[in-house]
């Protein structure tokens, strides 16, 4: 299966390793394999694959994960699907809004 990547180095995803207890819930709910358990703790192994859906933060029982869901490319893809247009990852008047910038 092809992995999807969005804009590099823009995700709001954070992980507090001190709070992480290694339950693996983030791995279970993440649709893009962003997390892996390493030495009994979650690690972000593929940050740029994060679509900021918020499933990991919502389901982390230890509040070790933070993400501003509904921002960035995830929102652009959703808005594009709702409007029937290509995703636009910037202001509506930016040059990238004429074509898909997240593909």
PDB file of N, CA and C in Angstrom:
ATOM      1  N   UNK A   1       0.838  -1.186   0.000  1.00  0.00           N
ATOM      2  CA  UNK A   1       0.000   0.000   0.000  1.00  0.00           C
ATOM      3  C   UNK A   1       0.882   1.248   0.000  1.00  0.00           C
ATOM      4  N   UNK A   2       0.533   2.190  -0.834  1.00  0.00           N
ATOM      5  CA  UNK A   2       1.285   3.432  -0.925  1.00  0.00           C
ATOM      6  C   UNK A   2       1.075   4.267   0.337  1.00  0.00           C
ATOM      7  N   UNK A   3       2.172   4.795   0.882  1.00  0.00           N
ATOM      8  CA  UNK A   3       2.068   5.684   2.039  1.00  0.00           C
ATOM      9  C   UNK A   3       1.836   7.099   1.536  1.00  0.00           C
ATOM     10  N   UNK A   4       0.966   7.809   2.229  1.00  0.00           N
ATOM     11  CA  UNK A   4       0.702   9.190   1.882  1.00  0.00           C
ATOM     12  C   UNK A   4       1.496  10.103   2.793  1.00  0.00           C
ATOM     13  N   UNK A   5       2.067  11.118   2.232  1.00  0.00           N
ATOM     14  CA  UNK A   5       2.783  12.119   3.001  1.00  0.00           C
ATOM     15  C   UNK A   5       2.175  13.470   2.687  1.00  0.00           C
ATOM     16  N   UNK A   6       2.216  14.343   3.635  1.00  0.00           N
ATOM     17  CA  UNK A   6       1.635  15.656   3.498  1.00  0.00           C
ATOM     18  C   UNK A   6       2.770  16.660   3.415  1.00  0.00           C
ATOM     19  N   UNK A   7       2.657  17.779   4.008  1.00  0.00           N
ATOM     20  CA  UNK A   7       3.746  18.751   3.987  1.00  0.00           C
ATOM     21  C   UNK A   7       4.787  18.346   5.017  1.00  0.00           C
ATOM     22  N   UNK A   8       6.047  18.386   4.647  1.00  0.00           N
ATOM     23  CA  UNK A   8       7.113  17.974   5.559  1.00  0.00           C
ATOM     24  C   UNK A   8       7.279  18.965   6.711  1.00  0.00           C
ATOM     25  N   UNK A   9       7.511  18.389   7.882  1.00  0.00           N
ATOM     26  CA  UNK A   9       7.848  19.146   9.093  1.00  0.00           C
ATOM     27  C   UNK A   9       6.813  20.193   9.505  1.00  0.00           C
ATOM     28  N   UNK A  10       5.534  19.921   9.290  1.00  0.00           N
ATOM     29  CA  UNK A  10       4.517  20.888   9.709  1.00  0.00           C
ATOM     30  C   UNK A  10       3.507  20.325  10.706  1.00  0.00           C
ATOM     31  N   UNK A  11       3.531  19.031  10.953  1.00  0.00           N
ATOM     32  CA  UNK A  11       2.536  18.439  11.841  1.00  0.00           C
ATOM     33  C   UNK A  11       2.643  18.998  13.261  1.00  0.00           C
ATOM     34  N   UNK A  12       1.516  19.095  13.922  1.00  0.00           N
ATOM     35  CA  UNK A  12       1.473  19.606  15.294  1.00  0.00           C
ATOM     36  C   UNK A  12       1.620  18.474  16.315  1.00  0.00           C
ATOM     37  N   UNK A  13       1.888  17.273  15.870  1.00  0.00           N
ATOM     38  CA  UNK A  13       1.981  16.094  16.725  1.00  0.00           C
ATOM     39  C   UNK A  13       3.114  16.214  17.749  1.00  0.00           C
ATOM     40  N   UNK A  14       2.773  15.946  19.025  1.00  0.00           N
ATOM     41  CA  UNK A  14       3.784  15.927  20.088  1.00  0.00           C
ATOM     42  C   UNK A  14       3.602  14.662  20.919  1.00  0.00           C
ATOM     43  N   UNK A  15       4.675  14.213  21.534  1.00  0.00           N
ATOM     44  CA  UNK A  15       4.647  13.032  22.396  1.00  0.00           C
ATOM     45  C   UNK A  15       5.472  13.316  23.640  1.00  0.00           C
ATOM     46  N   UNK A  16       4.852  13.180  24.808  1.00  0.00           N
ATOM     47  CA  UNK A  16       5.539  13.350  26.090  1.00  0.00           C
ATOM     48  C   UNK A  16       5.942  11.964  26.578  1.00  0.00           C
ATOM     49  N   UNK A  17       7.207  11.610  26.390  1.00  0.00           N
ATOM     50  CA  UNK A  17       7.679  10.271  26.733  1.00  0.00           C
ATOM     51  C   UNK A  17       7.599   9.991  28.227  1.00  0.00           C
ATOM     52  N   UNK A  18       7.614  11.029  29.045  1.00  0.00           N
ATOM     53  CA  UNK A  18       7.486  10.848  30.495  1.00  0.00           C
ATOM     54  C   UNK A  18       6.097  10.337  30.867  1.00  0.00           C
ATOM     55  N   UNK A  19       5.080  10.802  30.155  1.00  0.00           N
ATOM     56  CA  UNK A  19       3.705  10.383  30.433  1.00  0.00           C
ATOM     57  C   UNK A  19       3.368   9.030  29.809  1.00  0.00           C
ATOM     58  N   UNK A  20       4.055   8.650  28.748  1.00  0.00           N
ATOM     59  CA  UNK A  20       3.764   7.414  28.024  1.00  0.00           C
ATOM     60  C   UNK A  20       4.037   6.200  28.915  1.00  0.00           C
ATOM     61  N   UNK A  21       3.070   5.279  28.952  1.00  0.00           N
ATOM     62  CA  UNK A  21       3.206   4.040  29.726  1.00  0.00           C
ATOM     63  C   UNK A  21       3.341   2.815  28.820  1.00  0.00           C
ATOM     64  N   UNK A  22       3.399   3.044  27.517  1.00  0.00           N
ATOM     65  CA  UNK A  22       3.628   1.949  26.578  1.00  0.00           C
ATOM     66  C   UNK A  22       2.441   1.040  26.334  1.00  0.00           C
ATOM     67  N   UNK A  23       1.229   1.563  26.437  1.00  0.00           N
ATOM     68  CA  UNK A  23       0.025   0.734  26.250  1.00  0.00           C
ATOM     69  C   UNK A  23      -0.189   0.344  24.787  1.00  0.00           C
ATOM     70  N   UNK A  24       0.341   1.123  23.850  1.00  0.00           N
ATOM     71  CA  UNK A  24       0.218   0.816  22.429  1.00  0.00           C
ATOM     72  C   UNK A  24      -1.070   1.282  21.776  1.00  0.00           C
ATOM     73  N   UNK A  25      -1.910   2.003  22.503  1.00  0.00           N
ATOM     74  CA  UNK A  25      -3.175   2.464  21.932  1.00  0.00           C
ATOM     75  C   UNK A  25      -2.927   3.360  20.714  1.00  0.00           C
ATOM     76  N   UNK A  26      -1.908   4.184  20.755  1.00  0.00           N
ATOM     77  CA  UNK A  26      -1.608   5.070  19.622  1.00  0.00           C
ATOM     78  C   UNK A  26      -1.336   4.266  18.355  1.00  0.00           C
ATOM     79  N   UNK A  27      -0.649   3.146  18.503  1.00  0.00           N
ATOM     80  CA  UNK A  27      -0.369   2.289  17.348  1.00  0.00           C
ATOM     81  C   UNK A  27      -1.651   1.652  16.821  1.00  0.00           C
ATOM     82  N   UNK A  28      -2.551   1.318  17.723  1.00  0.00           N
ATOM     83  CA  UNK A  28      -3.803   0.682  17.335  1.00  0.00           C
ATOM     84  C   UNK A  28      -4.698   1.618  16.539  1.00  0.00           C
ATOM     85  N   UNK A  29      -4.775   2.882  16.951  1.00  0.00           N
ATOM     86  CA  UNK A  29      -5.732   3.807  16.325  1.00  0.00           C
ATOM     87  C   UNK A  29      -5.149   4.641  15.193  1.00  0.00           C
ATOM     88  N   UNK A  30      -3.841   4.728  15.083  1.00  0.00           N
ATOM     89  CA  UNK A  30      -3.230   5.557  14.028  1.00  0.00           C
ATOM     90  C   UNK A  30      -3.392   4.890  12.666  1.00  0.00           C
ATOM     91  N   UNK A  31      -4.058   5.569  11.717  1.00  0.00           N
ATOM     92  CA  UNK A  31      -4.273   4.957  10.402  1.00  0.00           C
ATOM     93  C   UNK A  31      -3.036   4.954   9.503  1.00  0.00           C
ATOM     94  N   UNK A  32      -1.962   5.655   9.905  1.00  0.00           N
ATOM     95  CA  UNK A  32      -0.793   5.754   9.025  1.00  0.00           C
ATOM     96  C   UNK A  32       0.501   5.232   9.633  1.00  0.00           C
ATOM     97  N   UNK A  33       0.430   4.493  10.727  1.00  0.00           N
ATOM     98  CA  UNK A  33       1.632   3.876  11.290  1.00  0.00           C
ATOM     99  C   UNK A  33       2.684   4.862  11.751  1.00  0.00           C
ATOM    100  N   UNK A  34       2.253   5.940  12.363  1.00  0.00           N
ATOM    101  CA  UNK A  34       3.174   6.987  12.808  1.00  0.00           C
ATOM    102  C   UNK A  34       3.971   6.552  14.046  1.00  0.00           C
ATOM    103  N   UNK A  35       3.390   5.638  14.838  1.00  0.00           N
ATOM    104  CA  UNK A  35       3.996   5.249  16.112  1.00  0.00           C
ATOM    105  C   UNK A  35       4.517   3.818  16.095  1.00  0.00           C
ATOM    106  N   UNK A  36       5.485   3.571  16.992  1.00  0.00           N
ATOM    107  CA  UNK A  36       6.000   2.235  17.223  1.00  0.00           C
ATOM    108  C   UNK A  36       6.421   2.167  18.694  1.00  0.00           C
ATOM    109  N   UNK A  37       6.280   0.999  19.311  1.00  0.00           N
ATOM    110  CA  UNK A  37       6.766   0.827  20.679  1.00  0.00           C
ATOM    111  C   UNK A  37       8.231   0.442  20.630  1.00  0.00           C
ATOM    112  N   UNK A  38       9.053   1.211  21.307  1.00  0.00           N
ATOM    113  CA  UNK A  38      10.482   0.948  21.382  1.00  0.00           C
ATOM    114  C   UNK A  38      10.879   1.015  22.856  1.00  0.00           C
ATOM    115  N   UNK A  39      11.412  -0.083  23.343  1.00  0.00           N
ATOM    116  CA  UNK A  39      11.814  -0.189  24.751  1.00  0.00           C
ATOM    117  C   UNK A  39      10.674   0.178  25.691  1.00  0.00           C
ATOM    118  N   UNK A  40       9.463  -0.296  25.361  1.00  0.00           N
ATOM    119  CA  UNK A  40       8.320  -0.112  26.231  1.00  0.00           C
ATOM    120  C   UNK A  40       7.668   1.256  26.218  1.00  0.00           C
ATOM    121  N   UNK A  41       8.055   2.101  25.279  1.00  0.00           N
ATOM    122  CA  UNK A  41       7.474   3.448  25.159  1.00  0.00           C
ATOM    123  C   UNK A  41       7.147   3.726  23.696  1.00  0.00           C
ATOM    124  N   UNK A  42       6.130   4.544  23.487  1.00  0.00           N
ATOM    125  CA  UNK A  42       5.788   4.955  22.124  1.00  0.00           C
ATOM    126  C   UNK A  42       6.866   5.883  21.583  1.00  0.00           C
ATOM    127  N   UNK A  43       7.117   5.750  20.315  1.00  0.00           N
ATOM    128  CA  UNK A  43       8.040   6.637  19.599  1.00  0.00           C
ATOM    129  C   UNK A  43       7.354   7.074  18.317  1.00  0.00           C
ATOM    130  N   UNK A  44       7.565   8.303  17.925  1.00  0.00           N
ATOM    131  CA  UNK A  44       7.084   8.779  16.622  1.00  0.00           C
ATOM    132  C   UNK A  44       8.131   8.357  15.604  1.00  0.00           C
ATOM    133  N   UNK A  45       7.759   7.443  14.717  1.00  0.00           N
ATOM    134  CA  UNK A  45       8.740   6.935  13.758  1.00  0.00           C
ATOM    135  C   UNK A  45       8.537   7.480  12.350  1.00  0.00           C
ATOM    136  N   UNK A  46       7.381   8.099  12.104  1.00  0.00           N
ATOM    137  CA  UNK A  46       7.104   8.619  10.762  1.00  0.00           C
ATOM    138  C   UNK A  46       6.233   9.870  10.871  1.00  0.00           C
ATOM    139  N   UNK A  47       6.802  10.928  11.423  1.00  0.00           N
ATOM    140  CA  UNK A  47       6.071  12.171  11.711  1.00  0.00           C
ATOM    141  C   UNK A  47       5.372  12.735  10.476  1.00  0.00           C
ATOM    142  N   UNK A  48       6.015  12.708   9.343  1.00  0.00           N
ATOM    143  CA  UNK A  48       5.438  13.319   8.139  1.00  0.00           C
ATOM    144  C   UNK A  48       4.256  12.530   7.571  1.00  0.00           C
ATOM    145  N   UNK A  49       4.013  11.322   8.078  1.00  0.00           N
ATOM    146  CA  UNK A  49       2.842  10.552   7.653  1.00  0.00           C
ATOM    147  C   UNK A  49       1.606  10.936   8.462  1.00  0.00           C
ATOM    148  N   UNK A  50       1.782  11.729   9.513  1.00  0.00           N
ATOM    149  CA  UNK A  50       0.662  12.139  10.368  1.00  0.00           C
ATOM    150  C   UNK A  50      -0.275  13.054   9.598  1.00  0.00           C
ATOM    151  N   UNK A  51      -1.585  12.702   9.613  1.00  0.00           N
ATOM    152  CA  UNK A  51      -2.577  13.536   8.947  1.00  0.00           C
ATOM    153  C   UNK A  51      -3.372  14.374   9.944  1.00  0.00           C
ATOM    154  N   UNK A  52      -2.909  14.381  11.189  1.00  0.00           N
ATOM    155  CA  UNK A  52      -3.501  15.207  12.246  1.00  0.00           C
ATOM    156  C   UNK A  52      -4.982  14.918  12.469  1.00  0.00           C
ATOM    157  N   UNK A  53      -5.349  13.634  12.393  1.00  0.00           N
ATOM    158  CA  UNK A  53      -6.752  13.273  12.614  1.00  0.00           C
ATOM    159  C   UNK A  53      -7.129  13.360  14.087  1.00  0.00           C
ATOM    160  N   UNK A  54      -6.151  13.212  14.973  1.00  0.00           N
ATOM    161  CA  UNK A  54      -6.394  13.337  16.411  1.00  0.00           C
ATOM    162  C   UNK A  54      -6.759  12.048  17.116  1.00  0.00           C
ATOM    163  N   UNK A  55      -6.828  10.938  16.400  1.00  0.00           N
ATOM    164  CA  UNK A  55      -7.211   9.663  17.021  1.00  0.00           C
ATOM    165  C   UNK A  55      -6.247   9.266  18.128  1.00  0.00           C
ATOM    166  N   UNK A  56      -4.967   9.477  17.929  1.00  0.00           N
ATOM    167  CA  UNK A  56      -3.973   9.082  18.928  1.00  0.00           C
ATOM    168  C   UNK A  56      -4.145   9.870  20.220  1.00  0.00           C
ATOM    169  N   UNK A  57      -4.282  11.180  20.110  1.00  0.00           N
ATOM    170  CA  UNK A  57      -4.438  12.026  21.296  1.00  0.00           C
ATOM    171  C   UNK A  57      -5.750  11.749  22.009  1.00  0.00           C
ATOM    172  N   UNK A  58      -6.805  11.561  21.244  1.00  0.00           N
ATOM    173  CA  UNK A  58      -8.120  11.303  21.822  1.00  0.00           C
ATOM    174  C   UNK A  58      -8.155   9.983  22.590  1.00  0.00           C
ATOM    175  N   UNK A  59      -7.416   8.991  22.119  1.00  0.00           N
ATOM    176  CA  UNK A  59      -7.452   7.662  22.715  1.00  0.00           C
ATOM    177  C   UNK A  59      -6.304   7.349  23.669  1.00  0.00           C
ATOM    178  N   UNK A  60      -5.363   8.257  23.846  1.00  0.00           N
ATOM    179  CA  UNK A  60      -4.256   8.010  24.767  1.00  0.00           C
ATOM    180  C   UNK A  60      -4.755   8.159  26.204  1.00  0.00           C
ATOM    181  N   UNK A  61      -4.765   7.064  26.986  1.00  0.00           N
ATOM    182  CA  UNK A  61      -5.286   7.140  28.352  1.00  0.00           C
ATOM    183  C   UNK A  61      -4.383   7.906  29.312  1.00  0.00           C
ATOM    184  N   UNK A  62      -3.181   8.252  28.878  1.00  0.00           N
ATOM    185  CA  UNK A  62      -2.228   8.939  29.745  1.00  0.00           C
ATOM    186  C   UNK A  62      -1.950  10.376  29.301  1.00  0.00           C
ATOM    187  N   UNK A  63      -2.713  10.867  28.338  1.00  0.00           N
ATOM    188  CA  UNK A  63      -2.561  12.211  27.758  1.00  0.00           C
ATOM    189  C   UNK A  63      -1.110  12.524  27.381  1.00  0.00           C
ATOM    190  N   UNK A  64      -0.441  11.527  26.835  1.00  0.00           N
ATOM    191  CA  UNK A  64       0.957  11.688  26.439  1.00  0.00           C
ATOM    192  C   UNK A  64       1.103  12.272  25.039  1.00  0.00           C
ATOM    193  N   UNK A  65       0.013  12.312  24.293  1.00  0.00           N
ATOM    194  CA  UNK A  65       0.070  12.757  22.897  1.00  0.00           C
ATOM    195  C   UNK A  65      -0.770  14.009  22.723  1.00  0.00           C
ATOM    196  N   UNK A  66      -0.233  14.941  21.973  1.00  0.00           N
ATOM    197  CA  UNK A  66      -0.957  16.152  21.638  1.00  0.00           C
ATOM    198  C   UNK A  66      -0.933  16.374  20.139  1.00  0.00           C
ATOM    199  N   UNK A  67      -2.024  16.855  19.597  1.00  0.00           N
ATOM    200  CA  UNK A  67      -2.098  17.201  18.179  1.00  0.00           C
ATOM    201  C   UNK A  67      -3.288  18.132  17.992  1.00  0.00           C
ATOM    202  N   UNK A  68      -3.118  19.133  17.164  1.00  0.00           N
ATOM    203  CA  UNK A  68      -4.226  20.035  16.842  1.00  0.00           C
ATOM    204  C   UNK A  68      -4.965  19.419  15.663  1.00  0.00           C
ATOM    205  N   UNK A  69      -5.933  18.578  15.958  1.00  0.00           N
ATOM    206  CA  UNK A  69      -6.647  17.901  14.880  1.00  0.00           C
ATOM    207  C   UNK A  69      -7.479  18.889  14.081  1.00  0.00           C
ATOM    208  N   UNK A  70      -7.635  18.578  12.808  1.00  0.00           N
ATOM    209  CA  UNK A  70      -8.408  19.439  11.921  1.00  0.00           C
ATOM    210  C   UNK A  70      -7.615  20.598  11.351  1.00  0.00           C
ATOM    211  N   UNK A  71      -6.303  20.564  11.493  1.00  0.00           N
ATOM    212  CA  UNK A  71      -5.470  21.616  10.919  1.00  0.00           C
ATOM    213  C   UNK A  71      -4.585  21.004   9.847  1.00  0.00           C
ATOM    214  N   UNK A  72      -3.832  21.823   9.189  1.00  0.00           N
ATOM    215  CA  UNK A  72      -2.860  21.332   8.224  1.00  0.00           C
ATOM    216  C   UNK A  72      -3.485  20.619   7.051  1.00  0.00           C
ATOM    217  N   UNK A  73      -2.770  19.646   6.535  1.00  0.00           N
ATOM    218  CA  UNK A  73      -3.197  18.953   5.329  1.00  0.00           C
ATOM    219  C   UNK A  73      -4.419  18.084   5.535  1.00  0.00           C
ATOM    220  N   UNK A  74      -4.620  17.572   6.747  1.00  0.00           N
ATOM    221  CA  UNK A  74      -5.822  16.770   6.976  1.00  0.00           C
ATOM    222  C   UNK A  74      -7.064  17.609   6.705  1.00  0.00           C
ATOM    223  N   UNK A  75      -7.075  18.818   7.202  1.00  0.00           N
ATOM    224  CA  UNK A  75      -8.216  19.695   6.967  1.00  0.00           C
ATOM    225  C   UNK A  75      -8.332  20.030   5.483  1.00  0.00           C
ATOM    226  N   UNK A  76      -7.200  20.245   4.836  1.00  0.00           N
ATOM    227  CA  UNK A  76      -7.228  20.577   3.414  1.00  0.00           C
ATOM    228  C   UNK A  76      -7.835  19.445   2.593  1.00  0.00           C
ATOM    229  N   UNK A  77      -7.484  18.223   2.925  1.00  0.00           N
ATOM    230  CA  UNK A  77      -8.010  17.075   2.198  1.00  0.00           C
ATOM    231  C   UNK A  77      -9.513  16.949   2.433  1.00  0.00           C
ATOM    232  N   UNK A  78      -9.934  17.102   3.685  1.00  0.00           N
ATOM    233  CA  UNK A  78     -11.360  17.007   4.011  1.00  0.00           C
ATOM    234  C   UNK A  78     -12.149  18.109   3.317  1.00  0.00           C
ATOM    235  N   UNK A  79     -11.659  19.341   3.391  1.00  0.00           N
ATOM    236  CA  UNK A  79     -12.356  20.450   2.741  1.00  0.00           C
ATOM    237  C   UNK A  79     -12.415  20.252   1.234  1.00  0.00           C
ATOM    238  N   UNK A  80     -11.326  19.752   0.649  1.00  0.00           N
ATOM    239  CA  UNK A  80     -11.321  19.485  -0.787  1.00  0.00           C
ATOM    240  C   UNK A  80     -12.356  18.443  -1.166  1.00  0.00           C
ATOM    241  N   UNK A  81     -12.467  17.393  -0.334  1.00  0.00           N
ATOM    242  CA  UNK A  81     -13.448  16.345  -0.605  1.00  0.00           C
ATOM    243  C   UNK A  81     -14.869  16.879  -0.482  1.00  0.00           C
ATOM    244  N   UNK A  82     -15.114  17.706   0.521  1.00  0.00           N
ATOM    245  CA  UNK A  82     -16.450  18.268   0.721  1.00  0.00           C
ATOM    246  C   UNK A  82     -16.844  19.233  -0.396  1.00  0.00           C
ATOM    247  N   UNK A  83     -15.869  19.988  -0.877  1.00  0.00           N
ATOM    248  CA  UNK A  83     -16.142  20.992  -1.905  1.00  0.00           C
ATOM    249  C   UNK A  83     -15.961  20.451  -3.319  1.00  0.00           C
ATOM    250  N   UNK A  84     -15.401  19.247  -3.439  1.00  0.00           N
ATOM    251  CA  UNK A  84     -15.147  18.682  -4.757  1.00  0.00           C
ATOM    252  C   UNK A  84     -13.982  19.342  -5.465  1.00  0.00           C
ATOM    253  N   UNK A  85     -13.025  19.867  -4.693  1.00  0.00           N
ATOM    254  CA  UNK A  85     -11.856  20.539  -5.260  1.00  0.00           C
ATOM    255  C   UNK A  85     -10.583  19.836  -4.803  1.00  0.00           C
ATOM    256  N   UNK A  86      -9.465  20.228  -5.372  1.00  0.00           N
ATOM    257  CA  UNK A  86      -8.177  19.687  -4.944  1.00  0.00           C
ATOM    258  C   UNK A  86      -7.835  20.240  -3.562  1.00  0.00           C
ATOM    259  N   UNK A  87      -7.090  19.477  -2.758  1.00  0.00           N
ATOM    260  CA  UNK A  87      -6.680  19.980  -1.449  1.00  0.00           C
ATOM    261  C   UNK A  87      -5.843  21.245  -1.580  1.00  0.00           C
ATOM    262  N   UNK A  88      -6.040  22.162  -0.670  1.00  0.00           N
ATOM    263  CA  UNK A  88      -5.253  23.392  -0.636  1.00  0.00           C
ATOM    264  C   UNK A  88      -4.701  23.557   0.768  1.00  0.00           C
ATOM    265  N   UNK A  89      -3.396  23.515   0.898  1.00  0.00           N
ATOM    266  CA  UNK A  89      -2.755  23.559   2.219  1.00  0.00           C
ATOM    267  C   UNK A  89      -2.351  24.961   2.643  1.00  0.00           C
ATOM    268  N   UNK A  90      -2.881  25.957   2.026  1.00  0.00           N
ATOM    269  CA  UNK A  90      -2.538  27.324   2.399  1.00  0.00           C
ATOM    270  C   UNK A  90      -3.755  28.209   2.271  1.00  0.00           C
ATOM    271  N   UNK A  91      -3.565  29.494   2.363  1.00  0.00           N
ATOM    272  CA  UNK A  91      -4.693  30.415   2.179  1.00  0.00           C
ATOM    273  C   UNK A  91      -5.318  30.222   0.807  1.00  0.00           C
ATOM    274  N   UNK A  92      -6.607  30.465   0.701  1.00  0.00           N
ATOM    275  CA  UNK A  92      -7.312  30.189  -0.553  1.00  0.00           C
ATOM    276  C   UNK A  92      -6.779  30.987  -1.737  1.00  0.00           C
ATOM    277  N   UNK A  93      -6.077  32.073  -1.478  1.00  0.00           N
ATOM    278  CA  UNK A  93      -5.534  32.861  -2.583  1.00  0.00           C
ATOM    279  C   UNK A  93      -4.056  32.538  -2.868  1.00  0.00           C
ATOM    280  N   UNK A  94      -3.516  31.495  -2.215  1.00  0.00           N
ATOM    281  CA  UNK A  94      -2.108  31.157  -2.437  1.00  0.00           C
ATOM    282  C   UNK A  94      -1.954  30.399  -3.757  1.00  0.00           C
ATOM    283  N   UNK A  95      -0.769  30.459  -4.372  1.00  0.00           N
ATOM    284  CA  UNK A  95      -0.551  29.789  -5.653  1.00  0.00           C
ATOM    285  C   UNK A  95      -0.760  28.278  -5.578  1.00  0.00           C
ATOM    286  N   UNK A  96      -0.526  27.649  -4.407  1.00  0.00           N
ATOM    287  CA  UNK A  96      -0.661  26.196  -4.316  1.00  0.00           C
ATOM    288  C   UNK A  96      -2.106  25.734  -4.369  1.00  0.00           C
ATOM    289  N   UNK A  97      -3.065  26.652  -4.256  1.00  0.00           N
ATOM    290  CA  UNK A  97      -4.472  26.254  -4.199  1.00  0.00           C
ATOM    291  C   UNK A  97      -5.049  25.909  -5.551  1.00  0.00           C
ATOM    292  N   UNK A  98      -4.302  26.066  -6.588  1.00  0.00           N
ATOM    293  CA  UNK A  98      -4.783  25.670  -7.893  1.00  0.00           C
ATOM    294  C   UNK A  98      -4.528  24.206  -8.181  1.00  0.00           C
ATOM    295  N   UNK A  99      -3.717  23.552  -7.348  1.00  0.00           N
ATOM    296  CA  UNK A  99      -3.421  22.145  -7.550  1.00  0.00           C
ATOM    297  C   UNK A  99      -3.205  21.477  -6.197  1.00  0.00           C
ATOM    298  N   UNK A 100      -3.187  20.166  -6.219  1.00  0.00           N
ATOM    299  CA  UNK A 100      -3.002  19.435  -4.978  1.00  0.00           C
ATOM    300  C   UNK A 100      -1.580  19.623  -4.457  1.00  0.00           C
ATOM    301  N   UNK A 101      -1.472  20.021  -3.205  1.00  0.00           N
ATOM    302  CA  UNK A 101      -0.138  20.213  -2.618  1.00  0.00           C
ATOM    303  C   UNK A 101       0.173  19.135  -1.605  1.00  0.00           C
ATOM    304  N   UNK A 102      -0.715  18.178  -1.415  1.00  0.00           N
ATOM    305  CA  UNK A 102      -0.543  17.188  -0.361  1.00  0.00           C
ATOM    306  C   UNK A 102      -0.304  15.785  -0.884  1.00  0.00           C
ATOM    307  N   UNK A 103      -0.367  15.598  -2.188  1.00  0.00           N
ATOM    308  CA  UNK A 103      -0.392  14.274  -2.756  1.00  0.00           C
ATOM    309  C   UNK A 103       0.784  13.455  -2.675  1.00  0.00           C
TER     310      UNK A 103
END
